[in-house]
Amino acid sequence: MKHRFLVLDMFRGIFASLVVFYHMSAFSDTPILNNDFIRNSDMFVDFFFVLSGFVICYSYQQIDSTANLKLFLKKRLMRLYPLHLIMLLAFLGIEGIKLVLQNHVQINNSLDNSIITFFSSLFLINSIKLPGVHDIGWNMVSWSISAELISYVVFSITCFYLSLKNKNLLKPITYVVIALVAFLLLYVFTNNIKLDYTYDFGFLRGMIGFFLGAFCFYCFSASYTKLSVLKSTYFTIAEVIMVGIIIMAIINGRQFKEFGAIYEAIFFLSIMVFSFEKGLLSQWLTGVKPLKNLGKFSYSIYMVHTLFISLFNVIFIRLLKLPTTAYSFLFIINFIVIYIVASWTYKHIEMRFQLKSANRKVD
């Protein structure tokens, strides 16, 4: 099977945009952003984890040599780290500017921007509970990149071992077991079954979603031949139902977040449904070019948005003294700026470093 999973990629772009609006809502006072749907859109991060496990498992069903193991880890690191590092250094520069302006402008110092959190971010271990760390810091979303990278390491070692032992049939079962163990550990450490952890147990949250996504791929692969021949009507119905369930689960996030695994199950099922790309909703989405670009730029949108939301807040709310209700239109301008910057970082940072990695492979 050769699939592009274009619709799933478009959903990643849509959900990354909703995470942007979620962070904007902290500075705004408008029903456009300050509502239950946007207020709980942080849970879309779990969609990213599940989708990542699905796509990675599709691309790497076998890692059968140490050379392939090293190549996998190198490619994954080159995919994530360059933009992460550049944004971390940008936030370091912002800290210097804040020191200069602190006597003139009201500065938001709610993040834990310390030496410890800087180095934990630098080495991408900022999703693990560390002594002296009490909150997210610097580029606040980078905890999820840490969780993603840790999931890559666990996945590659597991896949490598099972491939060498020729235990391919055990892979889906093993991935489910890893997800369950991560969930059990999260419960043991926190004494609840929430999933909205970041700087402390975010790596376990990431592993739960990632390895469920890996298992989801095997479910898709096993059922593809039988289900792909069904009429598109069935897929249309399933797609509409899944979108409705997602919207309902996000709107009612205040209650559902107490049972975090609900989101993992919903995103698992939604990826299963939309991976076939046979319903009318999928067909409509693939014809919307701006949504394709959102999917393409989703990682950059996710990584750059907190910086530019903060800058907008300082410029328009702190300096120009606009009311927070101004975000009823500022959110559009802010998102356009984020989108433009993300398109640039995608081309000049993401793609450039991936090409360098590919060239080294050829050499």
Protein backbone atom coordinates (compact mmCIF):
# COMPACT_ATOMS: atom_id res chain seq x y z
CA MET A 1 0.00 0.00 0.00
CA LYS A 2 1.19 3.48 -0.88
CA HIS A 3 -0.80 6.20 0.82
CA ARG A 4 -0.27 9.93 1.26
CA PHE A 5 -2.86 10.35 4.04
CA LEU A 6 -3.46 13.87 2.77
CA VAL A 7 -6.69 14.34 4.73
CA LEU A 8 -5.02 13.37 8.00
CA ASP A 9 -2.26 15.86 7.27
CA MET A 10 -4.88 18.54 6.65
CA PHE A 11 -6.48 17.74 10.00
CA ARG A 12 -3.08 18.19 11.60
CA GLY A 13 -2.95 21.68 10.11
CA ILE A 14 -6.50 22.50 11.22
CA PHE A 15 -5.87 21.27 14.75
CA ALA A 16 -2.51 23.07 14.95
CA SER A 17 -4.39 26.26 14.07
CA LEU A 18 -6.92 25.57 16.81
CA VAL A 19 -4.05 25.20 19.29
CA VAL A 20 -2.89 28.64 18.12
CA PHE A 21 -6.34 30.08 18.90
CA TYR A 22 -6.29 28.27 22.25
CA HIS A 23 -3.13 30.17 23.23
CA MET A 24 -4.50 33.43 21.83
CA SER A 25 -7.54 33.10 24.08
CA ALA A 26 -5.35 33.75 27.14
CA PHE A 27 -4.90 37.35 25.96
CA SER A 28 -8.38 37.98 24.57
CA ASP A 29 -11.90 38.81 25.61
CA THR A 30 -14.09 37.85 22.69
CA PRO A 31 -16.59 35.01 22.24
CA ILE A 32 -14.77 34.11 19.02
CA LEU A 33 -11.87 32.79 21.09
CA ASN A 34 -13.20 32.63 24.63
CA ASN A 35 -15.60 29.73 24.33
CA ASP A 36 -15.62 26.11 25.44
CA PHE A 37 -14.44 24.76 22.09
CA ILE A 38 -11.31 26.94 21.88
CA ARG A 39 -10.75 26.75 25.63
CA ASN A 40 -10.30 22.96 25.40
CA SER A 41 -8.49 22.80 22.06
CA ASP A 42 -5.22 22.02 23.81
CA MET A 43 -6.37 18.38 23.69
CA PHE A 44 -5.71 18.35 19.96
CA VAL A 45 -2.06 17.83 20.89
CA ASP A 46 -3.04 14.23 21.57
CA PHE A 47 -4.26 13.94 17.98
CA PHE A 48 -0.73 14.87 16.89
CA PHE A 49 0.73 12.05 18.99
CA VAL A 50 -1.70 9.42 17.69
CA LEU A 51 -1.26 10.55 14.09
CA SER A 52 2.51 10.58 14.47
CA GLY A 53 2.53 6.98 15.69
CA PHE A 54 0.25 5.99 12.80
CA VAL A 55 2.38 7.63 10.11
CA ILE A 56 5.74 6.60 11.57
CA CYS A 57 4.63 2.98 11.87
CA TYR A 58 3.38 3.08 8.28
CA SER A 59 6.75 4.41 7.08
CA TYR A 60 8.91 2.21 9.32
CA GLN A 61 7.38 -1.22 9.67
CA GLN A 62 10.87 -2.70 9.72
CA ILE A 63 14.08 -1.42 11.28
CA ASP A 64 16.31 -4.43 10.81
CA SER A 65 19.88 -3.16 11.18
CA THR A 66 21.88 -0.81 13.37
CA ALA A 67 22.49 1.35 10.30
CA ASN A 68 18.74 1.72 9.75
CA LEU A 69 18.23 2.40 13.44
CA LYS A 70 20.80 5.21 13.37
CA LEU A 71 19.33 6.56 10.13
CA PHE A 72 15.83 6.59 11.59
CA LEU A 73 16.92 8.50 14.69
CA LYS A 74 19.01 10.91 12.64
CA LYS A 75 16.15 11.68 10.26
CA ARG A 76 13.69 12.17 13.10
CA LEU A 77 16.10 14.46 14.95
CA MET A 78 16.76 16.49 11.80
CA ARG A 79 13.02 16.78 11.29
CA LEU A 80 12.36 18.22 14.74
CA TYR A 81 15.47 19.79 16.20
CA PRO A 82 16.62 22.62 13.87
CA LEU A 83 13.41 24.65 14.16
CA HIS A 84 13.14 23.82 17.85
CA LEU A 85 16.68 25.12 18.46
CA ILE A 86 16.14 28.30 16.47
CA MET A 87 12.93 29.07 18.35
CA LEU A 88 14.60 28.35 21.69
CA LEU A 89 17.38 30.82 20.82
CA ALA A 90 14.74 33.34 19.73
CA PHE A 91 13.10 33.07 23.15
CA LEU A 92 16.51 33.49 24.77
CA GLY A 93 16.86 36.75 22.84
CA ILE A 94 13.39 37.80 23.97
CA GLU A 95 14.45 37.29 27.58
CA GLY A 96 17.24 39.80 27.02
CA ILE A 97 14.80 42.30 25.53
CA LYS A 98 12.44 41.79 28.48
CA LEU A 99 15.22 42.73 30.88
CA VAL A 100 15.65 46.03 29.04
CA LEU A 101 11.92 46.78 28.85
CA GLN A 102 10.78 45.53 32.23
CA ASN A 103 10.70 49.05 33.73
CA HIS A 104 8.67 50.43 30.81
CA VAL A 105 6.25 47.71 29.74
CA GLN A 106 4.21 45.22 31.76
CA ILE A 107 5.82 41.87 31.00
CA ASN A 108 4.16 38.48 31.39
CA ASN A 109 6.59 36.36 33.43
CA SER A 110 4.29 33.42 34.06
CA LEU A 111 6.56 30.88 32.36
CA ASP A 112 9.39 29.09 34.14
CA ASN A 113 12.22 30.54 32.06
CA SER A 114 15.19 29.40 34.15
CA ILE A 115 18.62 27.96 33.47
CA ILE A 116 17.31 24.47 34.29
CA THR A 117 14.38 24.72 31.88
CA PHE A 118 16.62 26.21 29.19
CA PHE A 119 18.94 23.21 29.22
CA SER A 120 16.09 20.73 29.58
CA SER A 121 14.57 22.33 26.47
CA LEU A 122 17.94 22.38 24.70
CA PHE A 123 18.34 18.63 25.21
CA LEU A 124 14.62 17.96 24.69
CA ILE A 125 14.00 16.34 28.04
CA ASN A 126 11.49 19.02 29.03
CA SER A 127 8.57 16.59 29.08
CA ILE A 128 10.13 14.68 32.01
CA LYS A 129 9.56 15.75 35.62
CA LEU A 130 12.83 17.28 36.80
CA PRO A 131 13.79 18.66 40.23
CA GLY A 132 13.31 22.41 40.49
CA VAL A 133 10.98 22.65 37.49
CA HIS A 134 7.42 23.72 38.26
CA ASP A 135 6.00 24.85 34.93
CA ILE A 136 6.61 24.95 31.20
CA GLY A 137 9.20 27.45 30.00
CA TRP A 138 10.65 29.17 26.95
CA ASN A 139 8.83 27.97 23.83
CA MET A 140 6.04 26.42 25.85
CA VAL A 141 4.91 23.96 23.17
CA SER A 142 8.32 22.31 22.90
CA TRP A 143 7.44 19.86 25.70
CA SER A 144 5.44 17.95 23.09
CA ILE A 145 8.47 17.81 20.79
CA SER A 146 10.38 16.27 23.67
CA ALA A 147 7.59 13.73 24.17
CA GLU A 148 7.58 13.00 20.45
CA LEU A 149 11.33 12.40 20.34
CA ILE A 150 11.22 10.11 23.36
CA SER A 151 8.46 8.12 21.63
CA TYR A 152 10.66 7.87 18.53
CA VAL A 153 13.52 6.43 20.57
CA VAL A 154 11.32 3.83 22.30
CA PHE A 155 9.61 2.93 19.02
CA SER A 156 12.84 2.53 17.05
CA ILE A 157 14.49 0.35 19.68
CA THR A 158 11.36 -1.82 20.01
CA CYS A 159 10.90 -2.15 16.25
CA PHE A 160 14.62 -2.88 15.80
CA TYR A 161 14.59 -5.66 18.42
CA LEU A 162 11.41 -7.30 17.09
CA SER A 163 12.64 -7.03 13.48
CA LEU A 164 15.94 -8.70 14.35
CA LYS A 165 14.12 -11.49 16.17
CA ASN A 166 11.72 -11.84 13.24
CA LYS A 167 8.80 -11.26 15.61
CA ASN A 168 6.80 -9.02 13.29
CA LEU A 169 3.48 -10.50 14.39
CA LEU A 170 4.21 -9.32 17.93
CA LYS A 171 4.65 -5.67 16.94
CA PRO A 172 1.03 -4.51 17.18
CA ILE A 173 0.57 -6.32 20.49
CA THR A 174 3.82 -4.88 21.82
CA TYR A 175 2.83 -1.35 20.84
CA VAL A 176 -0.49 -1.69 22.66
CA VAL A 177 1.31 -3.02 25.74
CA ILE A 178 3.71 -0.04 25.70
CA ALA A 179 0.74 2.36 25.51
CA LEU A 180 -0.96 0.57 28.41
CA VAL A 181 2.21 0.54 30.51
CA ALA A 182 2.68 4.28 29.89
CA PHE A 183 -0.94 4.88 30.96
CA LEU A 184 -0.46 2.74 34.08
CA LEU A 185 2.73 4.62 34.99
CA LEU A 186 0.94 7.92 34.53
CA TYR A 187 -1.77 6.77 36.92
CA VAL A 188 0.79 5.53 39.47
CA PHE A 189 2.72 8.83 39.39
CA THR A 190 -0.30 11.16 39.37
CA ASN A 191 -3.08 9.12 41.01
CA ASN A 192 -5.57 10.11 38.30
CA ILE A 193 -6.28 9.33 34.64
CA LYS A 194 -6.06 12.82 33.21
CA LEU A 195 -3.79 13.38 30.22
CA ASP A 196 -3.24 17.15 30.29
CA TYR A 197 0.39 16.91 31.46
CA THR A 198 3.23 18.84 29.87
CA TYR A 199 6.57 19.62 31.57
CA ASP A 200 6.21 16.81 34.12
CA PHE A 201 4.70 13.63 32.66
CA GLY A 202 4.19 14.80 29.10
CA PHE A 203 6.50 12.08 27.81
CA LEU A 204 4.07 9.43 29.08
CA ARG A 205 1.15 11.29 27.53
CA GLY A 206 3.07 11.31 24.26
CA MET A 207 3.88 7.61 24.42
CA ILE A 208 0.26 6.66 25.10
CA GLY A 209 -0.91 8.48 21.98
CA PHE A 210 2.05 7.52 19.80
CA PHE A 211 1.86 3.78 20.43
CA LEU A 212 -1.91 3.73 20.10
CA GLY A 213 -1.32 5.38 16.74
CA ALA A 214 1.18 2.67 15.83
CA PHE A 215 -1.42 0.04 16.71
CA CYS A 216 -3.99 2.01 14.72
CA PHE A 217 -1.86 1.57 11.62
CA TYR A 218 -1.95 -2.21 12.00
CA CYS A 219 -5.74 -2.06 12.39
CA PHE A 220 -5.91 0.03 9.22
CA SER A 221 -3.57 -2.32 7.37
CA ALA A 222 -5.47 -5.46 8.45
CA SER A 223 -8.86 -4.04 7.48
CA TYR A 224 -7.91 -2.09 4.36
CA THR A 225 -8.72 -4.79 1.79
CA LYS A 226 -12.18 -5.48 3.19
CA LEU A 227 -13.23 -1.96 4.12
CA SER A 228 -11.88 -0.10 1.10
CA VAL A 229 -14.47 -1.76 -1.17
CA LEU A 230 -17.38 -0.36 0.84
CA LYS A 231 -19.51 2.36 -0.71
CA SER A 232 -18.43 5.93 -0.04
CA THR A 233 -21.79 6.52 1.65
CA TYR A 234 -20.72 4.45 4.63
CA PHE A 235 -17.52 6.43 4.95
CA THR A 236 -19.41 9.71 4.63
CA ILE A 237 -21.68 8.74 7.51
CA ALA A 238 -18.69 7.62 9.60
CA GLU A 239 -16.79 10.83 8.84
CA VAL A 240 -19.69 13.07 9.83
CA ILE A 241 -20.23 11.09 13.03
CA MET A 242 -16.53 11.31 13.95
CA VAL A 243 -16.39 15.08 13.37
CA GLY A 244 -19.49 15.46 15.53
CA ILE A 245 -17.95 13.35 18.29
CA ILE A 246 -14.69 15.35 18.18
CA ILE A 247 -16.55 18.67 18.44
CA MET A 248 -18.70 17.38 21.30
CA ALA A 249 -15.69 15.99 23.18
CA ILE A 250 -13.75 19.23 22.86
CA ILE A 251 -16.68 21.46 23.86
CA ASN A 252 -17.26 19.29 26.94
CA GLY A 253 -13.57 19.16 27.74
CA ARG A 254 -14.06 20.34 31.29
CA GLN A 255 -15.75 17.02 32.06
CA PHE A 256 -13.96 14.78 29.58
CA LYS A 257 -10.43 15.82 30.58
CA GLU A 258 -10.96 13.95 33.82
CA PHE A 259 -10.93 10.79 31.68
CA GLY A 260 -8.12 11.60 29.26
CA ALA A 261 -8.16 8.23 27.50
CA ILE A 262 -11.47 9.25 25.90
CA TYR A 263 -9.57 11.56 23.59
CA GLU A 264 -7.09 8.86 22.65
CA ALA A 265 -9.97 6.56 21.69
CA ILE A 266 -11.73 9.30 19.69
CA PHE A 267 -8.59 10.26 17.79
CA PHE A 268 -7.80 6.57 17.19
CA LEU A 269 -11.22 6.06 15.58
CA SER A 270 -11.10 9.32 13.63
CA ILE A 271 -7.72 8.42 12.11
CA MET A 272 -9.05 4.97 11.20
CA VAL A 273 -12.05 6.52 9.41
CA PHE A 274 -10.28 9.34 7.60
CA SER A 275 -7.23 7.27 6.61
CA PHE A 276 -9.38 5.67 3.88
CA GLU A 277 -10.21 9.13 2.40
CA LYS A 278 -13.39 7.79 0.80
CA GLY A 279 -16.17 9.89 2.33
CA LEU A 280 -17.59 13.10 0.87
CA LEU A 281 -16.00 15.15 3.63
CA SER A 282 -12.56 13.77 2.74
CA GLN A 283 -13.16 14.45 -0.94
CA TRP A 284 -14.19 18.02 -0.17
CA LEU A 285 -11.20 18.64 2.08
CA THR A 286 -8.70 17.47 -0.54
CA GLY A 287 -10.01 20.14 -2.89
CA VAL A 288 -9.30 23.03 -0.49
CA LYS A 289 -5.76 24.21 -1.25
CA PRO A 290 -5.35 26.49 1.83
CA LEU A 291 -6.01 23.47 4.06
CA LYS A 292 -3.28 21.55 2.24
CA ASN A 293 -0.87 24.36 3.06
CA LEU A 294 -2.01 24.33 6.69
CA GLY A 295 -1.07 20.66 6.81
CA LYS A 296 2.24 21.28 5.12
CA PHE A 297 3.18 24.11 7.46
CA SER A 298 1.63 22.59 10.59
CA TYR A 299 4.89 21.90 12.44
CA SER A 300 6.16 25.40 11.77
CA ILE A 301 2.81 26.94 12.75
CA TYR A 302 2.92 24.98 15.97
CA MET A 303 6.50 25.94 16.80
CA VAL A 304 6.48 29.67 15.96
CA HIS A 305 3.02 30.69 17.15
CA THR A 306 3.69 31.28 20.86
CA LEU A 307 6.41 33.82 20.08
CA PHE A 308 4.23 35.85 17.74
CA ILE A 309 1.19 35.68 20.00
CA SER A 310 3.36 37.11 22.79
CA LEU A 311 4.70 39.86 20.52
CA PHE A 312 1.18 40.82 19.46
CA ASN A 313 0.13 40.99 23.08
CA VAL A 314 3.03 43.28 23.97
CA ILE A 315 2.56 45.55 20.94
CA PHE A 316 -1.22 45.88 20.80
CA ILE A 317 -2.33 45.33 24.38
CA ARG A 318 0.63 46.54 26.47
CA LEU A 319 2.06 49.33 24.29
CA LEU A 320 -0.88 50.55 22.19
CA LYS A 321 -3.29 49.94 25.07
CA LEU A 322 -5.97 48.28 22.94
CA PRO A 323 -8.63 46.44 24.94
CA THR A 324 -8.51 42.68 25.03
CA THR A 325 -11.79 42.74 23.09
CA ALA A 326 -9.70 43.90 20.10
CA TYR A 327 -8.79 40.26 19.55
CA SER A 328 -12.15 39.94 17.84
CA PHE A 329 -10.21 41.13 14.76
CA LEU A 330 -6.59 40.96 15.94
CA PHE A 331 -6.73 37.17 15.95
CA ILE A 332 -7.04 37.23 12.14
CA ILE A 333 -4.02 39.51 11.68
CA ASN A 334 -2.04 37.57 14.24
CA PHE A 335 -2.76 34.25 12.56
CA ILE A 336 -1.86 35.62 9.12
CA VAL A 337 1.51 36.74 10.48
CA ILE A 338 2.06 33.33 12.07
CA TYR A 339 1.12 31.61 8.80
CA ILE A 340 3.53 33.76 6.76
CA VAL A 341 6.38 33.17 9.18
CA ALA A 342 5.60 29.44 9.26
CA SER A 343 5.67 29.22 5.45
CA TRP A 344 9.14 30.81 5.55
CA THR A 345 10.48 28.56 8.31
CA TYR A 346 9.07 25.51 6.53
CA LYS A 347 10.99 26.35 3.36
CA HIS A 348 14.19 27.71 4.84
CA ILE A 349 14.57 25.66 8.02
CA GLU A 350 12.49 22.48 7.95
CA MET A 351 13.11 21.58 4.31
CA ARG A 352 16.68 22.84 4.20
CA PHE A 353 17.82 20.61 7.04
CA GLN A 354 15.92 17.61 5.68
CA LEU A 355 17.63 18.08 2.33
CA LYS A 356 21.01 18.30 4.04
CA SER A 357 20.24 15.06 5.86
CA ALA A 358 19.23 13.38 2.59
CA ASN A 359 22.38 14.60 0.84
CA ARG A 360 24.56 13.19 3.58
CA LYS A 361 22.77 9.87 3.15
CA VAL A 362 23.60 9.89 -0.59
CA ASP A 363 27.23 10.78 0.10
